[in-house]
N, C-alpha and C. Protein backbone atom coordinates (compact mmCIF):
# COMPACT_ATOMS: atom_id res chain seq x y z
N MET A 1 0.51 -3.70 -13.44
CA MET A 1 1.59 -4.23 -14.21
C MET A 1 3.55 -4.25 -13.36
N GLY A 2 3.93 -3.33 -12.80
CA GLY A 2 4.78 -3.84 -12.08
C GLY A 2 5.07 -4.54 -11.14
N THR A 3 3.73 -4.49 -10.44
CA THR A 3 3.62 -5.35 -9.11
C THR A 3 3.71 -6.58 -9.96
N LEU A 4 3.05 -6.88 -10.62
CA LEU A 4 2.95 -8.50 -11.21
C LEU A 4 4.78 -9.25 -12.14
N ILE A 5 5.19 -7.64 -13.06
CA ILE A 5 6.81 -7.56 -13.34
C ILE A 5 7.62 -8.19 -11.58
N LEU A 6 7.45 -7.38 -11.24
CA LEU A 6 8.63 -7.47 -9.12
C LEU A 6 8.13 -9.04 -9.28
N TRP A 7 6.66 -9.32 -8.77
CA TRP A 7 6.51 -10.65 -8.85
C TRP A 7 7.06 -12.03 -9.46
N LEU A 8 6.73 -11.51 -10.71
CA LEU A 8 7.40 -12.83 -11.19
C LEU A 8 9.19 -12.16 -11.33
N GLY A 9 9.95 -11.53 -10.81
CA GLY A 9 11.09 -11.78 -10.42
C GLY A 9 11.79 -12.24 -9.17
N TRP A 10 9.90 -12.11 -8.51
CA TRP A 10 10.05 -12.11 -7.05
C TRP A 10 10.98 -13.42 -6.39
N LEU A 11 9.68 -14.45 -7.71
CA LEU A 11 10.29 -15.94 -7.97
C LEU A 11 11.55 -16.45 -7.64
N MET A 12 12.12 -15.51 -9.17
CA MET A 12 12.83 -16.39 -9.88
C MET A 12 14.21 -15.70 -8.15
N PHE A 13 13.94 -14.65 -8.22
CA PHE A 13 14.98 -14.60 -6.58
C PHE A 13 15.57 -15.26 -5.63
N ASN A 14 13.41 -14.84 -4.83
CA ASN A 14 14.09 -16.80 -3.72
C ASN A 14 13.95 -18.10 -4.08
N GLY A 15 13.69 -18.52 -5.16
CA GLY A 15 13.84 -19.85 -5.83
C GLY A 15 15.53 -19.68 -6.09
N GLY A 16 16.23 -18.92 -6.67
CA GLY A 16 17.42 -19.06 -7.33
C GLY A 16 18.57 -19.15 -6.45
N SER A 17 17.68 -18.17 -5.04
CA SER A 17 18.69 -18.29 -4.09
C SER A 17 19.61 -19.19 -3.24
N SER A 18 18.60 -21.10 -3.25
CA SER A 18 19.32 -22.39 -3.07
C SER A 18 20.07 -22.71 -4.03
N GLY A 19 20.78 -21.71 -4.86
CA GLY A 19 21.81 -21.86 -5.56
C GLY A 19 21.90 -23.72 -6.53
N SER A 20 20.47 -23.91 -6.74
CA SER A 20 19.80 -25.21 -7.18
C SER A 20 18.88 -24.79 -7.53
N VAL A 21 18.27 -25.30 -9.13
CA VAL A 21 17.47 -25.26 -9.21
C VAL A 21 16.59 -25.98 -10.00
N VAL A 22 17.00 -27.51 -10.60
CA VAL A 22 16.96 -28.60 -11.16
C VAL A 22 17.88 -30.19 -10.64
N GLY A 23 16.85 -31.16 -11.00
CA GLY A 23 17.11 -32.19 -9.89
C GLY A 23 16.94 -32.40 -8.39
N GLY A 24 17.41 -33.33 -8.43
CA GLY A 24 16.86 -33.82 -6.75
C GLY A 24 17.66 -32.08 -5.88
N SER A 25 18.10 -31.14 -6.31
CA SER A 25 18.96 -30.03 -5.57
C SER A 25 18.07 -29.28 -5.68
N GLY A 26 17.32 -29.22 -6.20
CA GLY A 26 15.93 -28.68 -6.66
C GLY A 26 14.81 -28.73 -6.37
N ASP A 27 14.91 -29.24 -4.91
CA ASP A 27 13.48 -29.26 -4.06
C ASP A 27 13.25 -28.07 -3.16
N SER A 28 14.65 -27.73 -2.29
CA SER A 28 14.28 -26.54 -1.92
C SER A 28 13.63 -24.82 -2.71
N ALA A 29 14.11 -24.90 -4.12
CA ALA A 29 13.77 -23.67 -4.98
C ALA A 29 11.97 -24.55 -5.03
N LYS A 30 12.08 -25.34 -5.51
CA LYS A 30 10.94 -25.76 -6.04
C LYS A 30 10.05 -25.36 -4.82
N LEU A 31 10.24 -25.29 -3.20
CA LEU A 31 9.14 -25.11 -2.38
C LEU A 31 9.30 -23.75 -2.35
N ALA A 32 10.43 -22.99 -3.11
CA ALA A 32 10.70 -21.95 -1.83
C ALA A 32 9.95 -20.73 -3.14
N ILE A 33 9.59 -21.58 -4.67
CA ILE A 33 8.38 -20.68 -5.00
C ILE A 33 7.35 -21.38 -5.22
N LEU A 34 7.21 -21.84 -4.97
CA LEU A 34 5.62 -22.58 -4.64
C LEU A 34 5.07 -21.54 -3.07
N ASN A 35 5.92 -21.63 -3.01
CA ASN A 35 5.63 -20.58 -1.71
C ASN A 35 5.47 -19.11 -1.43
N SER A 36 6.36 -18.59 -2.97
CA SER A 36 6.28 -17.44 -3.41
C SER A 36 4.99 -17.04 -3.68
N VAL A 37 4.15 -17.68 -4.18
CA VAL A 37 3.29 -17.38 -5.21
C VAL A 37 1.87 -17.85 -4.27
N ILE A 38 1.68 -19.15 -2.76
CA ILE A 38 1.05 -19.26 -1.68
C ILE A 38 0.74 -17.78 -1.11
N SER A 39 2.05 -17.33 -0.76
CA SER A 39 1.83 -16.44 0.05
C SER A 39 1.41 -14.70 0.04
N PRO A 40 1.77 -14.22 -1.22
CA PRO A 40 1.46 -12.84 -1.65
C PRO A 40 0.10 -13.24 -2.18
N SER A 41 -0.59 -14.14 -2.53
CA SER A 41 -1.48 -14.17 -3.16
C SER A 41 -2.65 -14.60 -1.88
N ALA A 42 -2.57 -15.16 -0.27
CA ALA A 42 -3.11 -14.77 0.26
C ALA A 42 -3.15 -13.65 0.92
N ALA A 43 -2.05 -13.12 1.26
CA ALA A 43 -1.35 -12.02 1.40
C ALA A 43 -2.56 -10.61 0.48
N GLY A 44 -2.66 -10.75 -0.83
CA GLY A 44 -3.41 -9.38 -1.60
C GLY A 44 -4.66 -9.67 -1.44
N ILE A 45 -5.36 -11.17 -1.72
CA ILE A 45 -7.12 -11.09 -2.00
C ILE A 45 -7.24 -10.37 -0.38
N PHE A 46 -6.82 -10.65 1.03
CA PHE A 46 -6.65 -10.66 2.41
C PHE A 46 -6.63 -9.04 2.40
N THR A 47 -6.19 -8.09 2.36
CA THR A 47 -5.74 -7.10 2.32
C THR A 47 -6.15 -5.98 1.52
N PHE A 48 -7.30 -7.00 0.50
CA PHE A 48 -7.80 -6.41 -1.00
C PHE A 48 -9.37 -5.94 -0.16
N MET A 49 -9.91 -7.29 0.82
CA MET A 49 -11.02 -7.15 1.69
C MET A 49 -11.23 -6.37 3.01
N THR A 50 -9.72 -6.40 3.37
CA THR A 50 -9.95 -6.38 4.81
C THR A 50 -9.45 -4.36 4.83
N LYS A 51 -8.03 -4.42 4.20
CA LYS A 51 -7.38 -2.88 4.80
C LYS A 51 -8.17 -1.86 5.10
N LYS A 52 -9.33 -1.17 4.32
CA LYS A 52 -10.40 -0.57 4.98
C LYS A 52 -11.41 -0.48 5.41
N HIS A 53 -11.23 -1.78 5.89
CA HIS A 53 -11.86 -1.82 7.64
C HIS A 53 -11.24 -1.94 9.11
N ILE A 54 -9.59 -2.50 8.80
CA ILE A 54 -8.29 -2.04 9.17
C ILE A 54 -8.26 -0.33 10.10
N THR A 55 -7.81 0.16 8.92
CA THR A 55 -7.31 1.73 8.79
C THR A 55 -8.43 2.56 8.93
N GLY A 56 -9.01 2.11 7.80
CA GLY A 56 -10.03 3.44 7.91
C GLY A 56 -9.66 4.38 6.62
N GLN A 57 -8.70 3.49 5.95
CA GLN A 57 -8.16 4.49 4.95
C GLN A 57 -9.45 3.80 3.68
N GLY A 58 -8.98 4.89 2.38
CA GLY A 58 -10.28 4.73 1.31
C GLY A 58 -11.63 3.59 1.75
N ALA A 59 -11.99 4.55 2.65
CA ALA A 59 -13.57 3.62 3.02
C ALA A 59 -14.57 4.06 1.86
N THR A 60 -14.44 5.41 1.39
CA THR A 60 -15.21 4.97 0.24
C THR A 60 -15.59 4.03 -1.23
N MET A 61 -13.61 4.07 -1.25
CA MET A 61 -13.38 2.79 -2.41
C MET A 61 -14.37 1.87 -2.67
N ARG A 62 -14.63 0.94 -3.91
CA ARG A 62 -15.67 0.32 -3.72
C ARG A 62 -14.51 -1.03 -3.76
N MET A 63 -13.17 -0.34 -4.76
CA MET A 63 -12.26 -1.49 -5.11
C MET A 63 -11.42 -0.92 -4.82
N ASP A 64 -10.06 -0.81 -3.84
CA ASP A 64 -8.79 -0.67 -3.34
C ASP A 64 -7.73 -1.67 -4.16
N PHE A 65 -7.35 -1.17 -5.15
CA PHE A 65 -6.06 -1.97 -5.41
C PHE A 65 -5.15 -1.26 -5.59
N PRO A 66 -4.70 -0.06 -4.82
CA PRO A 66 -3.51 -0.40 -4.52
C PRO A 66 -3.41 -0.96 -3.01
N ALA A 67 -4.45 -1.57 -1.85
CA ALA A 67 -4.77 -1.99 -0.87
C ALA A 67 -3.80 -4.03 -1.61
N LEU A 68 -4.34 -4.19 -2.81
CA LEU A 68 -4.67 -5.38 -3.62
C LEU A 68 -2.76 -5.56 -3.64
N THR A 69 -2.22 -4.81 -5.14
CA THR A 69 -0.43 -4.07 -4.80
C THR A 69 0.26 -4.78 -3.89
N ASN A 70 -0.12 -3.18 -3.04
CA ASN A 70 0.81 -3.27 -1.34
C ASN A 70 0.65 -5.05 -1.00
N GLY A 71 -0.35 -5.68 -0.95
CA GLY A 71 -0.99 -6.46 -0.12
C GLY A 71 -0.46 -7.55 -0.56
N ILE A 72 0.12 -7.64 -1.69
CA ILE A 72 0.68 -8.67 -2.74
C ILE A 72 2.48 -8.19 -2.19
N LEU A 73 2.88 -7.56 -2.00
CA LEU A 73 4.05 -6.91 -1.60
C LEU A 73 4.53 -7.70 -0.43
N ALA A 74 3.24 -6.97 0.20
CA ALA A 74 3.13 -7.67 1.59
C ALA A 74 3.95 -9.35 2.30
N GLY A 75 2.78 -9.87 0.86
CA GLY A 75 2.90 -11.85 1.22
C GLY A 75 4.37 -12.34 1.22
N LEU A 76 4.52 -10.92 -0.01
CA LEU A 76 6.07 -11.81 -0.52
C LEU A 76 7.17 -11.08 0.75
N VAL A 77 7.02 -9.80 1.01
CA VAL A 77 8.15 -9.31 2.01
C VAL A 77 8.20 -10.23 2.65
N ALA A 78 7.11 -10.52 3.69
CA ALA A 78 7.10 -11.43 4.85
C ALA A 78 6.76 -13.54 4.74
N ILE A 79 6.92 -13.90 3.35
CA ILE A 79 7.53 -15.18 3.73
C ILE A 79 8.89 -15.34 2.71
N THR A 80 10.01 -14.47 2.87
CA THR A 80 11.05 -14.86 1.45
C THR A 80 12.42 -14.92 3.06
N ALA A 81 11.74 -14.73 4.03
CA ALA A 81 12.96 -15.49 5.38
C ALA A 81 12.85 -17.25 5.24
N ALA A 82 11.87 -17.37 5.39
CA ALA A 82 11.08 -18.77 5.84
C ALA A 82 10.84 -19.60 3.79
N CYS A 83 10.73 -19.05 3.18
CA CYS A 83 10.50 -19.82 1.46
C CYS A 83 10.19 -20.54 1.20
N ASP A 84 11.54 -21.34 1.89
CA ASP A 84 12.94 -22.45 1.48
C ASP A 84 12.35 -23.56 2.99
N VAL A 85 11.96 -22.89 3.60
CA VAL A 85 11.80 -24.45 5.35
C VAL A 85 10.69 -23.89 5.88
N VAL A 86 9.96 -23.57 4.66
CA VAL A 86 8.08 -23.97 5.12
C VAL A 86 6.91 -24.77 4.45
N GLU A 87 6.44 -25.01 4.83
CA GLU A 87 5.63 -26.45 4.44
C GLU A 87 4.13 -24.86 3.41
N PRO A 88 3.80 -25.48 2.34
CA PRO A 88 2.80 -24.73 1.98
C PRO A 88 1.74 -23.63 2.53
N TRP A 89 1.10 -24.71 4.18
CA TRP A 89 -0.27 -24.58 4.97
C TRP A 89 0.21 -23.16 5.71
N ALA A 90 2.05 -23.76 5.60
CA ALA A 90 2.45 -22.47 6.37
C ALA A 90 2.16 -20.56 5.66
N ALA A 91 3.19 -21.19 4.59
CA ALA A 91 2.90 -19.87 3.73
C ALA A 91 1.64 -19.17 3.80
N PHE A 92 0.61 -19.66 3.38
CA PHE A 92 -0.69 -19.38 3.41
C PHE A 92 -0.87 -18.17 5.14
N VAL A 93 -0.46 -19.23 6.03
CA VAL A 93 -0.69 -18.33 6.86
C VAL A 93 -0.05 -17.21 7.04
N ILE A 94 1.17 -16.95 7.31
CA ILE A 94 2.03 -16.18 7.23
C ILE A 94 1.60 -14.82 6.00
N GLY A 95 1.21 -14.96 5.02
CA GLY A 95 0.87 -14.52 3.92
C GLY A 95 -0.74 -14.06 4.64
N ILE A 96 -1.51 -13.94 5.39
CA ILE A 96 -2.41 -13.68 6.12
C ILE A 96 -1.81 -12.63 7.11
N LEU A 97 -0.86 -13.48 8.14
CA LEU A 97 -0.04 -12.00 9.25
C LEU A 97 0.39 -11.00 8.69
N GLY A 98 1.29 -11.05 7.76
CA GLY A 98 2.07 -10.32 6.30
C GLY A 98 0.60 -9.10 6.14
N SER A 99 -0.15 -9.93 5.46
CA SER A 99 -1.84 -8.46 5.77
C SER A 99 -2.13 -8.15 6.47
N LEU A 100 -2.36 -8.37 7.76
CA LEU A 100 -2.79 -8.07 8.66
C LEU A 100 -1.57 -6.60 9.37
N THR A 101 -0.12 -7.56 9.34
CA THR A 101 1.23 -6.19 9.46
C THR A 101 0.89 -5.48 8.99
N TYR A 102 0.39 -5.62 7.98
CA TYR A 102 0.86 -4.18 6.90
C TYR A 102 0.47 -3.70 6.81
N SER A 103 -1.55 -4.00 7.10
CA SER A 103 -2.78 -2.74 8.23
C SER A 103 -3.12 -2.21 8.90
N LEU A 104 -2.13 -3.30 9.35
CA LEU A 104 -2.06 -2.23 11.02
C LEU A 104 -0.94 -1.27 11.11
N SER A 105 0.15 -1.76 10.71
CA SER A 105 1.06 -0.93 9.94
C SER A 105 0.68 0.61 10.40
N CYS A 106 -0.04 0.74 8.41
CA CYS A 106 -0.20 1.80 8.02
C CYS A 106 -1.73 2.59 8.94
N ARG A 107 -2.37 2.26 9.62
CA ARG A 107 -2.33 2.21 10.78
C ARG A 107 -2.04 3.16 11.57
N ALA A 108 -1.11 2.58 12.01
CA ALA A 108 0.27 3.50 13.59
C ALA A 108 0.76 4.21 13.09
N MET A 109 1.10 3.74 11.36
CA MET A 109 1.62 5.13 11.27
C MET A 109 0.82 6.35 10.69
N ASP A 110 -0.51 6.17 10.80
CA ASP A 110 -1.39 7.77 10.40
C ASP A 110 -1.77 8.45 12.19
N ALA A 111 -1.63 7.33 12.84
CA ALA A 111 -2.39 7.69 14.33
C ALA A 111 -0.21 8.36 15.29
N ALA A 112 0.58 8.37 14.02
CA ALA A 112 1.90 8.47 14.64
C ALA A 112 2.27 9.71 13.62
N LYS A 113 1.82 10.65 12.57
CA LYS A 113 1.00 11.17 11.81
C LYS A 113 2.57 11.46 10.99
N ILE A 114 3.84 10.14 11.00
CA ILE A 114 3.84 9.61 9.88
C ILE A 114 4.15 9.80 8.26
N ASP A 115 4.52 10.27 6.85
CA ASP A 115 3.64 10.22 6.05
C ASP A 115 4.75 9.62 5.19
N ASP A 116 4.56 8.11 4.66
CA ASP A 116 4.93 7.53 4.02
C ASP A 116 4.51 7.38 2.99
N PRO A 117 4.55 8.15 1.68
CA PRO A 117 3.29 7.66 0.18
C PRO A 117 3.34 6.40 -0.75
N LEU A 118 4.73 5.75 -0.31
CA LEU A 118 4.50 4.75 -0.79
C LEU A 118 4.26 2.65 0.17
N ASP A 119 3.65 3.71 1.58
CA ASP A 119 3.68 2.38 2.53
C ASP A 119 5.16 1.26 2.27
N ALA A 120 6.53 2.06 1.88
CA ALA A 120 7.58 1.50 1.75
C ALA A 120 7.47 0.75 3.00
N THR A 121 7.95 1.80 4.61
CA THR A 121 7.81 1.22 5.86
C THR A 121 7.00 -0.13 6.25
N GLN A 122 6.10 0.36 6.17
CA GLN A 122 5.44 -0.99 6.93
C GLN A 122 4.67 -2.27 5.11
N VAL A 123 5.61 -1.71 4.16
CA VAL A 123 5.59 -3.27 3.71
C VAL A 123 6.89 -3.78 3.68
N HIS A 124 7.97 -3.55 3.74
CA HIS A 124 9.60 -3.78 3.65
C HIS A 124 10.07 -4.07 5.28
N GLY A 125 9.71 -2.78 5.70
CA GLY A 125 10.14 -3.05 7.25
C GLY A 125 9.29 -3.96 8.56
N CYS A 126 8.39 -3.19 8.45
CA CYS A 126 7.73 -4.47 9.78
C CYS A 126 7.31 -5.31 8.73
N CYS A 127 6.64 -5.96 7.82
CA CYS A 127 6.82 -7.09 7.02
C CYS A 127 7.52 -8.10 7.31
N GLY A 128 8.80 -7.43 6.59
CA GLY A 128 10.12 -8.03 6.62
C GLY A 128 10.91 -8.33 8.30
N VAL A 129 10.84 -7.87 9.72
CA VAL A 129 10.35 -8.44 10.61
C VAL A 129 9.67 -9.64 10.87
N LEU A 130 8.61 -9.72 10.56
CA LEU A 130 7.80 -10.48 10.81
C LEU A 130 7.93 -11.58 10.42
N GLY A 131 8.61 -11.80 8.78
CA GLY A 131 8.94 -12.83 8.31
C GLY A 131 10.48 -13.08 9.24
N VAL A 132 10.88 -12.72 9.58
CA VAL A 132 12.20 -13.65 9.76
C VAL A 132 11.35 -13.80 11.22
N VAL A 133 10.93 -13.46 11.66
CA VAL A 133 10.37 -13.79 13.70
C VAL A 133 9.29 -15.42 13.33
N MET A 134 9.24 -15.13 12.21
CA MET A 134 7.91 -16.45 11.66
C MET A 134 8.86 -18.08 11.36
N VAL A 135 9.74 -17.34 10.56
CA VAL A 135 11.22 -18.32 10.64
C VAL A 135 10.96 -19.74 11.76
N ALA A 136 10.81 -18.73 12.80
CA ALA A 136 11.37 -19.55 14.76
C ALA A 136 10.35 -19.94 15.05
N PHE A 137 9.26 -20.00 14.21
CA PHE A 137 7.69 -20.94 15.01
C PHE A 137 7.78 -21.89 13.40
N PHE A 138 7.55 -21.75 12.09
CA PHE A 138 7.13 -22.80 11.36
C PHE A 138 8.49 -23.32 10.56
N ASP A 139 9.90 -23.30 10.58
CA ASP A 139 11.11 -23.30 10.25
C ASP A 139 10.44 -25.66 10.63
N GLN A 140 10.34 -26.14 9.29
CA GLN A 140 10.34 -27.45 9.67
C GLN A 140 11.72 -28.00 10.34
N ASN A 141 12.93 -28.23 10.49
CA ASN A 141 13.14 -28.21 10.61
C ASN A 141 13.28 -27.99 12.29
N LYS A 142 14.51 -27.50 12.39
CA LYS A 142 13.83 -26.26 14.02
C LYS A 142 12.90 -25.25 14.57
N GLY A 143 12.21 -25.35 14.07
CA GLY A 143 11.15 -24.42 14.09
C GLY A 143 10.26 -24.98 15.96
N ILE A 144 9.89 -23.66 16.13
CA ILE A 144 9.43 -23.82 17.21
C ILE A 144 7.76 -24.32 17.42
N PHE A 145 7.30 -25.36 15.79
CA PHE A 145 5.94 -25.62 15.82
C PHE A 145 6.49 -26.66 15.79
N TYR A 146 7.65 -27.38 15.57
CA TYR A 146 7.93 -28.95 15.26
C TYR A 146 9.05 -29.44 16.10
N GLY A 147 9.01 -28.65 17.39
CA GLY A 147 9.42 -29.23 18.57
C GLY A 147 11.05 -28.42 18.52
N GLY A 148 12.01 -27.60 17.91
CA GLY A 148 12.27 -26.39 18.59
C GLY A 148 12.06 -25.87 19.52
N SER A 149 13.65 -25.03 20.28
CA SER A 149 13.38 -24.73 21.38
C SER A 149 13.58 -22.68 20.94
N GLY A 150 13.20 -22.58 21.86
CA GLY A 150 12.86 -21.30 22.02
C GLY A 150 14.14 -20.63 21.23
N ALA A 151 15.51 -21.51 21.63
CA ALA A 151 16.86 -20.38 21.29
C ALA A 151 16.55 -19.90 19.52
N ILE A 152 15.88 -20.27 19.07
CA ILE A 152 15.85 -20.18 17.52
C ILE A 152 14.85 -18.53 17.35
N LEU A 153 14.07 -18.64 18.31
CA LEU A 153 13.32 -17.24 18.18
C LEU A 153 14.57 -16.05 19.26
N GLY A 154 14.85 -16.52 19.70
CA GLY A 154 15.85 -15.12 20.46
C GLY A 154 16.75 -14.83 18.88
N ALA A 155 17.74 -16.38 18.22
CA ALA A 155 18.82 -15.53 17.58
C ALA A 155 17.65 -15.06 16.03
N GLN A 156 16.06 -15.01 16.09
CA GLN A 156 16.14 -14.65 14.86
C GLN A 156 15.77 -12.92 15.64
N LEU A 157 15.40 -12.87 16.72
CA LEU A 157 15.02 -12.00 17.45
C LEU A 157 16.12 -10.10 17.31
N LEU A 158 17.46 -11.62 17.82
CA LEU A 158 18.86 -11.12 17.51
C LEU A 158 19.51 -10.52 16.05
N GLY A 159 18.74 -11.29 15.58
CA GLY A 159 19.19 -10.71 14.04
C GLY A 159 18.39 -9.76 13.66
N CYS A 160 16.29 -9.63 14.05
CA CYS A 160 16.32 -8.19 13.13
C CYS A 160 16.52 -6.50 14.21
N VAL A 161 17.47 -7.02 15.18
CA VAL A 161 18.23 -6.08 15.82
C VAL A 161 18.98 -5.71 15.49
N CYS A 162 20.26 -6.43 15.32
CA CYS A 162 21.35 -6.85 13.44
C CYS A 162 20.27 -5.43 12.81
N ILE A 163 19.89 -5.86 11.98
CA ILE A 163 19.56 -5.52 10.91
C ILE A 163 19.14 -3.84 11.71
N ILE A 164 18.08 -4.13 11.98
CA ILE A 164 17.42 -2.22 12.19
C ILE A 164 18.74 -1.48 12.70
N ALA A 165 19.88 -2.10 13.48
CA ALA A 165 20.50 -1.22 13.71
C ALA A 165 21.82 -1.04 13.11
N TRP A 166 21.87 -1.51 11.38
CA TRP A 166 23.12 -1.50 10.19
C TRP A 166 22.72 -0.95 9.61
N VAL A 167 20.59 -0.88 9.12
CA VAL A 167 20.50 -0.28 8.81
C VAL A 167 19.83 1.73 9.27
N GLY A 168 18.78 1.11 10.64
CA GLY A 168 19.30 3.06 10.57
C GLY A 168 20.88 3.84 11.09
N THR A 169 21.86 2.93 11.25
CA THR A 169 23.42 3.61 11.17
C THR A 169 23.57 3.88 9.76
N THR A 170 23.32 2.99 9.13
CA THR A 170 23.58 3.46 7.66
C THR A 170 22.56 5.35 6.92
N SER A 171 21.54 4.60 6.99
CA SER A 171 21.38 6.28 6.84
C SER A 171 20.92 6.62 7.20
N ALA A 172 20.94 7.00 8.96
CA ALA A 172 21.27 7.91 8.89
C ALA A 172 22.52 9.07 9.09
N ILE A 173 23.40 8.01 8.56
CA ILE A 173 24.82 9.15 7.79
C ILE A 173 24.29 9.40 6.65
N PHE A 174 23.50 8.77 5.91
CA PHE A 174 23.43 9.06 4.55
C PHE A 174 21.92 10.73 4.60
N PHE A 175 21.07 10.65 5.54
CA PHE A 175 20.49 11.84 5.36
C PHE A 175 20.87 12.98 6.69
N LEU A 176 22.52 12.82 7.07
CA LEU A 176 22.90 13.51 7.34
C LEU A 176 23.22 14.38 7.16
N ILE A 177 24.42 14.18 6.43
CA ILE A 177 25.33 14.10 5.06
C ILE A 177 24.32 14.83 3.83
N ALA A 178 22.92 14.45 3.83
CA ALA A 178 21.90 15.10 2.87
C ALA A 178 21.59 16.29 3.14
N ASN A 179 20.75 16.42 4.54
CA ASN A 179 20.36 17.53 5.53
C ASN A 179 21.42 18.57 5.01
N LYS A 180 23.04 18.15 5.38
CA LYS A 180 23.53 18.96 5.34
C LYS A 180 23.91 19.96 3.93
N PHE A 181 23.90 19.39 3.21
CA PHE A 181 23.59 19.90 2.08
C PHE A 181 22.41 20.53 1.15
N ASP A 182 21.44 20.29 2.31
CA ASP A 182 20.28 20.96 1.50
C ASP A 182 19.62 20.23 0.28
N VAL A 183 19.62 18.98 0.18
CA VAL A 183 19.52 17.95 -0.43
C VAL A 183 18.48 16.87 -0.15
N LEU A 184 17.96 17.09 1.35
CA LEU A 184 17.62 16.16 1.76
C LEU A 184 15.59 15.75 0.89
N ARG A 185 15.43 17.09 0.84
CA ARG A 185 14.11 17.40 0.57
C ARG A 185 13.73 18.06 -0.49
N LEU A 186 12.73 18.41 -0.57
CA LEU A 186 11.97 19.50 -1.82
C LEU A 186 11.61 20.21 -0.75
N HIS A 187 11.55 21.60 -1.83
CA HIS A 187 11.92 23.00 -1.37
C HIS A 187 9.96 22.87 -1.06
N LYS A 188 9.04 23.61 0.13
CA LYS A 188 7.81 23.31 0.46
C LYS A 188 7.18 24.19 -0.70
N ASN A 189 7.60 24.28 -1.81
CA ASN A 189 6.32 25.59 -2.50
C ASN A 189 6.93 24.57 -3.88
N ASP A 190 7.82 23.42 -3.70
CA ASP A 190 7.26 22.79 -4.95
C ASP A 190 7.13 21.14 -4.73
N GLU A 191 7.11 20.82 -3.33
CA GLU A 191 6.31 19.85 -2.53
C GLU A 191 5.24 20.19 -2.96
N LEU A 192 4.33 21.14 -2.83
CA LEU A 192 3.35 21.17 -2.79
C LEU A 192 2.53 21.45 -4.28
N LEU A 193 3.54 21.81 -5.35
CA LEU A 193 3.33 21.55 -6.76
C LEU A 193 3.46 20.30 -6.86
N GLY A 194 4.36 19.18 -6.79
CA GLY A 194 4.48 17.81 -6.53
C GLY A 194 6.06 17.27 -7.28
N GLY A 195 6.08 16.27 -6.56
CA GLY A 195 7.29 15.87 -7.56
C GLY A 195 7.96 15.59 -8.68
N ASP A 196 6.57 15.49 -9.78
CA ASP A 196 6.25 14.73 -11.06
C ASP A 196 6.66 16.49 -11.61
N LEU A 197 6.19 17.51 -11.17
CA LEU A 197 6.51 19.28 -12.10
C LEU A 197 7.82 19.82 -11.82
N TYR A 198 7.89 18.98 -10.68
CA TYR A 198 10.25 19.44 -9.56
C TYR A 198 10.89 19.27 -11.01
N TYR A 199 10.97 17.95 -11.22
CA TYR A 199 12.25 16.97 -11.66
C TYR A 199 11.90 16.80 -13.59
N PHE A 200 10.49 16.94 -13.22
CA PHE A 200 10.19 16.98 -14.67
C PHE A 200 9.85 18.13 -16.00
N GLY A 201 9.17 18.86 -14.87
CA GLY A 201 9.20 19.71 -16.01
C GLY A 201 7.90 20.16 -16.09
N PRO A 202 6.98 21.36 -16.30
CA PRO A 202 5.33 21.10 -17.40
C PRO A 202 5.73 20.45 -18.25
N ILE A 203 4.79 20.13 -18.32
CA ILE A 203 4.56 19.27 -19.72
C ILE A 203 3.40 20.75 -21.19
N SER A 204 4.01 20.41 -22.08
CA SER A 204 3.66 21.09 -22.90
C SER A 204 3.28 20.20 -24.53
N PHE A 205 1.71 20.53 -24.83
CA PHE A 205 1.16 20.06 -26.05
C PHE A 205 2.19 21.12 -27.35
N GLU A 206 2.74 20.39 -28.08
CA GLU A 206 3.15 21.11 -29.42
C GLU A 206 2.41 20.29 -30.94
N GLY A 207 2.18 21.43 -31.56
CA GLY A 207 1.46 21.22 -32.26
C GLY A 207 -0.01 21.95 -32.72
N GLN A 208 -0.25 21.77 -34.00
CA GLN A 208 -2.02 22.54 -34.34
C GLN A 208 -2.92 22.08 -34.06
N ILE A 209 -3.88 22.10 -33.08
CA ILE A 209 -5.71 21.36 -32.63
C ILE A 209 -5.85 22.05 -33.91
N SER A 210 -6.80 21.52 -34.87
CA SER A 210 -7.48 21.24 -35.71
C SER A 210 -9.55 20.82 -35.24
């Protein structure tokens, strides 16, 4: 349910970013919304079928629904940068590439022994970088596959570097301050018991049982 609600909001976000959603000026919005349906649909189904084979996670699960939901999000992230400038077939391809990027980054994070319980880095970080780079290839007006120069690829890569540098710097400042005041993470005992118990307390059942 949460994924579907987020997906609906994402359609409005990508479509509304053009600032024009009606009449002839709404063509960009219509294309953005269409691509924001195609890409996550392809990514979600492809991830549902392939993630356990790529990562080894959930190999015994018959239906890996977390893979489906995170695959949908991976497709949404991957298409956002290019949602209004690529053809629908390209949105499908980007969705598949977003799925592969998500699964492979999950495998890489496991190999590096980095615990990201929500797969946020894999979905938003790795697939976000992929989406920015894909603009350089699939943009209908300036993309390399449409006769554009390689300069656009350099510009997109530079954009990724700038984003990573900005986010890395601001995050480091926040984490250093939080660590200084000892609020960066839970105590080890609380981690073992679980964050729900720490933040919300034990569940009590009141009333007489008959």
